[in-house]
Amino acid sequence: MRTIDITTASGSLADYAGHMSGETLVVLRNGKPLVALVPIQNADRETVSLSENPQFIALIERSRARAKAEGTISASEMRRRVLQD
């Protein structure tokens, strides 16, 4: 991860994006993270959009909490149950 203070960030967004080498660039203001430029690999527009959607994030969090509280089943068990019907 690289960091740069906003007061010294004089390049264009295109310049910074064009020189990314697979690591995140965090822009700081007064030493605290303000924004991040993150390289995206193997993602399409839908994936990026969903990752920013509060309703989708809430759904994922509820699913994780339920799995933690109730446990999960294996993929083979899921297949067995689906094929049973």
N, C-alpha and C. Protein backbone atom coordinates (compact mmCIF):
# COMPACT_ATOMS: atom_id res chain seq x y z
N MET A 1 0.85 -1.17 0.00
CA MET A 1 0.00 0.00 0.00
C MET A 1 0.90 1.24 0.00
N ARG A 2 0.54 2.15 -0.89
CA ARG A 2 1.26 3.42 -0.94
C ARG A 2 0.34 4.50 -0.39
N THR A 3 0.93 5.54 0.15
CA THR A 3 0.15 6.67 0.64
C THR A 3 0.69 7.97 0.06
N ILE A 4 -0.19 8.94 -0.03
CA ILE A 4 0.20 10.27 -0.47
C ILE A 4 -0.71 11.27 0.26
N ASP A 5 -0.15 12.38 0.69
CA ASP A 5 -0.97 13.41 1.33
C ASP A 5 -1.68 14.22 0.25
N ILE A 6 -2.89 14.58 0.54
CA ILE A 6 -3.70 15.30 -0.46
C ILE A 6 -3.06 16.62 -0.87
N THR A 7 -2.30 17.22 0.02
CA THR A 7 -1.66 18.50 -0.31
C THR A 7 -0.53 18.34 -1.32
N THR A 8 -0.01 17.11 -1.44
CA THR A 8 1.08 16.89 -2.41
C THR A 8 0.62 16.09 -3.62
N ALA A 9 -0.64 15.70 -3.65
CA ALA A 9 -1.18 14.94 -4.78
C ALA A 9 -1.51 15.91 -5.91
N SER A 10 -0.58 16.08 -6.82
CA SER A 10 -0.75 17.07 -7.87
C SER A 10 -1.05 16.46 -9.24
N GLY A 11 -0.95 15.14 -9.34
CA GLY A 11 -1.22 14.48 -10.61
C GLY A 11 -2.71 14.30 -10.86
N SER A 12 -3.04 13.97 -12.08
CA SER A 12 -4.45 13.69 -12.40
C SER A 12 -4.80 12.27 -11.95
N LEU A 13 -6.07 12.03 -11.83
CA LEU A 13 -6.53 10.68 -11.47
C LEU A 13 -6.03 9.68 -12.51
N ALA A 14 -6.07 10.06 -13.76
CA ALA A 14 -5.59 9.18 -14.83
C ALA A 14 -4.11 8.85 -14.65
N ASP A 15 -3.32 9.83 -14.21
CA ASP A 15 -1.89 9.59 -13.97
C ASP A 15 -1.70 8.56 -12.86
N TYR A 16 -2.41 8.76 -11.75
CA TYR A 16 -2.26 7.83 -10.63
C TYR A 16 -2.76 6.43 -11.01
N ALA A 17 -3.89 6.35 -11.67
CA ALA A 17 -4.44 5.05 -12.07
C ALA A 17 -3.52 4.36 -13.06
N GLY A 18 -2.94 5.12 -13.95
CA GLY A 18 -2.06 4.56 -14.96
C GLY A 18 -0.76 4.01 -14.42
N HIS A 19 -0.36 4.47 -13.25
CA HIS A 19 0.91 4.02 -12.66
C HIS A 19 0.71 3.05 -11.50
N MET A 20 -0.49 2.50 -11.35
CA MET A 20 -0.74 1.55 -10.27
C MET A 20 -0.06 0.23 -10.63
N SER A 21 0.60 -0.35 -9.66
CA SER A 21 1.29 -1.62 -9.90
C SER A 21 0.71 -2.72 -9.02
N GLY A 22 -0.63 -2.74 -8.91
CA GLY A 22 -1.26 -3.79 -8.14
C GLY A 22 -1.40 -3.49 -6.67
N GLU A 23 -0.98 -2.31 -6.25
CA GLU A 23 -1.13 -1.97 -4.83
C GLU A 23 -2.07 -0.78 -4.67
N THR A 24 -2.71 -0.71 -3.53
CA THR A 24 -3.65 0.35 -3.22
C THR A 24 -2.91 1.65 -2.95
N LEU A 25 -3.49 2.75 -3.43
CA LEU A 25 -2.97 4.08 -3.14
C LEU A 25 -3.97 4.78 -2.23
N VAL A 26 -3.54 5.12 -1.02
CA VAL A 26 -4.41 5.80 -0.06
C VAL A 26 -4.02 7.26 0.01
N VAL A 27 -5.02 8.12 -0.19
CA VAL A 27 -4.80 9.57 -0.10
C VAL A 27 -5.14 9.99 1.33
N LEU A 28 -4.19 10.68 1.96
CA LEU A 28 -4.35 11.09 3.35
C LEU A 28 -4.65 12.58 3.46
N ARG A 29 -5.43 12.93 4.48
CA ARG A 29 -5.63 14.33 4.85
C ARG A 29 -5.34 14.42 6.33
N ASN A 30 -4.36 15.26 6.68
CA ASN A 30 -3.93 15.38 8.09
C ASN A 30 -3.54 14.03 8.67
N GLY A 31 -2.91 13.19 7.85
CA GLY A 31 -2.43 11.90 8.30
C GLY A 31 -3.48 10.81 8.39
N LYS A 32 -4.72 11.12 8.04
CA LYS A 32 -5.81 10.13 8.12
C LYS A 32 -6.30 9.78 6.72
N PRO A 33 -6.66 8.50 6.49
CA PRO A 33 -7.15 8.10 5.17
C PRO A 33 -8.39 8.89 4.76
N LEU A 34 -8.37 9.37 3.54
CA LEU A 34 -9.48 10.13 2.98
C LEU A 34 -10.18 9.32 1.88
N VAL A 35 -9.41 8.85 0.92
CA VAL A 35 -9.92 8.02 -0.17
C VAL A 35 -8.84 7.01 -0.54
N ALA A 36 -9.26 5.97 -1.27
CA ALA A 36 -8.30 4.98 -1.73
C ALA A 36 -8.54 4.68 -3.20
N LEU A 37 -7.47 4.51 -3.92
CA LEU A 37 -7.52 4.07 -5.30
C LEU A 37 -7.07 2.61 -5.27
N VAL A 38 -8.01 1.71 -5.57
CA VAL A 38 -7.77 0.28 -5.40
C VAL A 38 -7.81 -0.42 -6.75
N PRO A 39 -6.77 -1.17 -7.09
CA PRO A 39 -6.81 -1.90 -8.35
C PRO A 39 -7.85 -3.02 -8.28
N ILE A 40 -8.58 -3.20 -9.36
CA ILE A 40 -9.62 -4.22 -9.41
C ILE A 40 -9.19 -5.28 -10.42
N GLN A 41 -9.19 -6.52 -9.96
CA GLN A 41 -8.84 -7.62 -10.84
C GLN A 41 -10.01 -8.58 -10.92
N ASN A 42 -10.28 -9.06 -12.09
CA ASN A 42 -11.33 -10.07 -12.31
C ASN A 42 -12.70 -9.63 -11.79
N ALA A 43 -13.05 -8.39 -11.99
CA ALA A 43 -14.37 -7.91 -11.58
C ALA A 43 -15.01 -7.15 -12.73
N ASP A 44 -16.32 -7.29 -12.82
CA ASP A 44 -17.05 -6.54 -13.83
C ASP A 44 -17.81 -5.41 -13.15
N ARG A 45 -18.55 -4.64 -13.93
CA ARG A 45 -19.29 -3.49 -13.38
C ARG A 45 -20.31 -3.92 -12.33
N GLU A 46 -20.97 -5.05 -12.58
CA GLU A 46 -21.98 -5.53 -11.63
C GLU A 46 -21.35 -5.85 -10.28
N THR A 47 -20.21 -6.51 -10.28
CA THR A 47 -19.52 -6.85 -9.04
C THR A 47 -19.15 -5.60 -8.26
N VAL A 48 -18.61 -4.62 -8.95
CA VAL A 48 -18.22 -3.37 -8.30
C VAL A 48 -19.46 -2.65 -7.76
N SER A 49 -20.52 -2.63 -8.54
CA SER A 49 -21.75 -1.99 -8.12
C SER A 49 -22.33 -2.65 -6.87
N LEU A 50 -22.37 -3.97 -6.85
CA LEU A 50 -22.90 -4.69 -5.69
C LEU A 50 -22.05 -4.46 -4.45
N SER A 51 -20.76 -4.33 -4.62
CA SER A 51 -19.87 -4.13 -3.47
C SER A 51 -20.11 -2.79 -2.78
N GLU A 52 -20.79 -1.88 -3.45
CA GLU A 52 -21.09 -0.57 -2.89
C GLU A 52 -22.56 -0.40 -2.53
N ASN A 53 -23.37 -1.45 -2.73
CA ASN A 53 -24.80 -1.37 -2.50
C ASN A 53 -25.12 -1.71 -1.04
N PRO A 54 -25.63 -0.76 -0.24
CA PRO A 54 -25.89 -1.01 1.19
C PRO A 54 -26.86 -2.17 1.43
N GLN A 55 -27.86 -2.34 0.58
CA GLN A 55 -28.81 -3.44 0.75
C GLN A 55 -28.13 -4.79 0.53
N PHE A 56 -27.27 -4.86 -0.47
CA PHE A 56 -26.56 -6.11 -0.74
C PHE A 56 -25.59 -6.42 0.39
N ILE A 57 -24.88 -5.41 0.87
CA ILE A 57 -23.94 -5.60 1.97
C ILE A 57 -24.68 -6.08 3.22
N ALA A 58 -25.86 -5.50 3.49
CA ALA A 58 -26.66 -5.93 4.64
C ALA A 58 -27.09 -7.38 4.49
N LEU A 59 -27.48 -7.78 3.28
CA LEU A 59 -27.86 -9.16 3.02
C LEU A 59 -26.70 -10.11 3.31
N ILE A 60 -25.53 -9.77 2.85
CA ILE A 60 -24.34 -10.60 3.08
C ILE A 60 -24.05 -10.68 4.58
N GLU A 61 -24.12 -9.55 5.28
CA GLU A 61 -23.85 -9.55 6.73
C GLU A 61 -24.86 -10.41 7.48
N ARG A 62 -26.15 -10.34 7.10
CA ARG A 62 -27.16 -11.19 7.74
C ARG A 62 -26.88 -12.66 7.47
N SER A 63 -26.48 -12.98 6.26
CA SER A 63 -26.17 -14.37 5.91
C SER A 63 -24.98 -14.89 6.70
N ARG A 64 -23.96 -14.07 6.84
CA ARG A 64 -22.78 -14.47 7.63
C ARG A 64 -23.14 -14.68 9.09
N ALA A 65 -23.95 -13.78 9.64
CA ALA A 65 -24.36 -13.90 11.04
C ALA A 65 -25.18 -15.17 11.24
N ARG A 66 -26.08 -15.47 10.32
CA ARG A 66 -26.90 -16.68 10.43
C ARG A 66 -26.03 -17.93 10.33
N ALA A 67 -25.08 -17.93 9.42
CA ALA A 67 -24.18 -19.08 9.27
C ALA A 67 -23.36 -19.28 10.54
N LYS A 68 -22.93 -18.19 11.14
CA LYS A 68 -22.15 -18.29 12.38
C LYS A 68 -23.01 -18.83 13.52
N ALA A 69 -24.25 -18.36 13.60
CA ALA A 69 -25.14 -18.76 14.69
C ALA A 69 -25.69 -20.17 14.50
N GLU A 70 -26.04 -20.54 13.27
CA GLU A 70 -26.71 -21.81 13.02
C GLU A 70 -25.81 -22.87 12.40
N GLY A 71 -24.66 -22.45 11.92
CA GLY A 71 -23.78 -23.39 11.24
C GLY A 71 -24.12 -23.49 9.76
N THR A 72 -23.31 -24.23 9.06
CA THR A 72 -23.49 -24.42 7.62
C THR A 72 -23.47 -25.90 7.29
N ILE A 73 -23.75 -26.21 6.04
CA ILE A 73 -23.65 -27.59 5.58
C ILE A 73 -22.68 -27.64 4.42
N SER A 74 -22.17 -28.81 4.16
CA SER A 74 -21.21 -28.97 3.07
C SER A 74 -21.92 -28.93 1.72
N ALA A 75 -21.16 -28.75 0.68
CA ALA A 75 -21.72 -28.75 -0.67
C ALA A 75 -22.32 -30.12 -1.00
N SER A 76 -21.68 -31.19 -0.56
CA SER A 76 -22.21 -32.52 -0.84
C SER A 76 -23.53 -32.75 -0.11
N GLU A 77 -23.66 -32.23 1.10
CA GLU A 77 -24.92 -32.34 1.83
C GLU A 77 -26.01 -31.53 1.13
N MET A 78 -25.66 -30.36 0.63
CA MET A 78 -26.62 -29.54 -0.10
C MET A 78 -27.10 -30.30 -1.34
N ARG A 79 -26.19 -30.90 -2.09
CA ARG A 79 -26.58 -31.68 -3.27
C ARG A 79 -27.51 -32.82 -2.89
N ARG A 80 -27.17 -33.52 -1.81
CA ARG A 80 -27.99 -34.65 -1.37
C ARG A 80 -29.41 -34.18 -1.07
N ARG A 81 -29.53 -33.04 -0.37
CA ARG A 81 -30.85 -32.53 0.00
C ARG A 81 -31.63 -32.07 -1.24
N VAL A 82 -30.97 -31.44 -2.17
CA VAL A 82 -31.66 -30.96 -3.37
C VAL A 82 -32.12 -32.12 -4.23
N LEU A 83 -31.27 -33.12 -4.38
CA LEU A 83 -31.61 -34.28 -5.23
C LEU A 83 -32.63 -35.20 -4.56
N GLN A 84 -32.80 -35.08 -3.28
CA GLN A 84 -33.74 -35.90 -2.54
C GLN A 84 -35.18 -35.58 -2.90
N ASP A 85 -35.46 -34.36 -3.25
CA ASP A 85 -36.84 -33.94 -3.55
C ASP A 85 -37.27 -34.27 -4.94
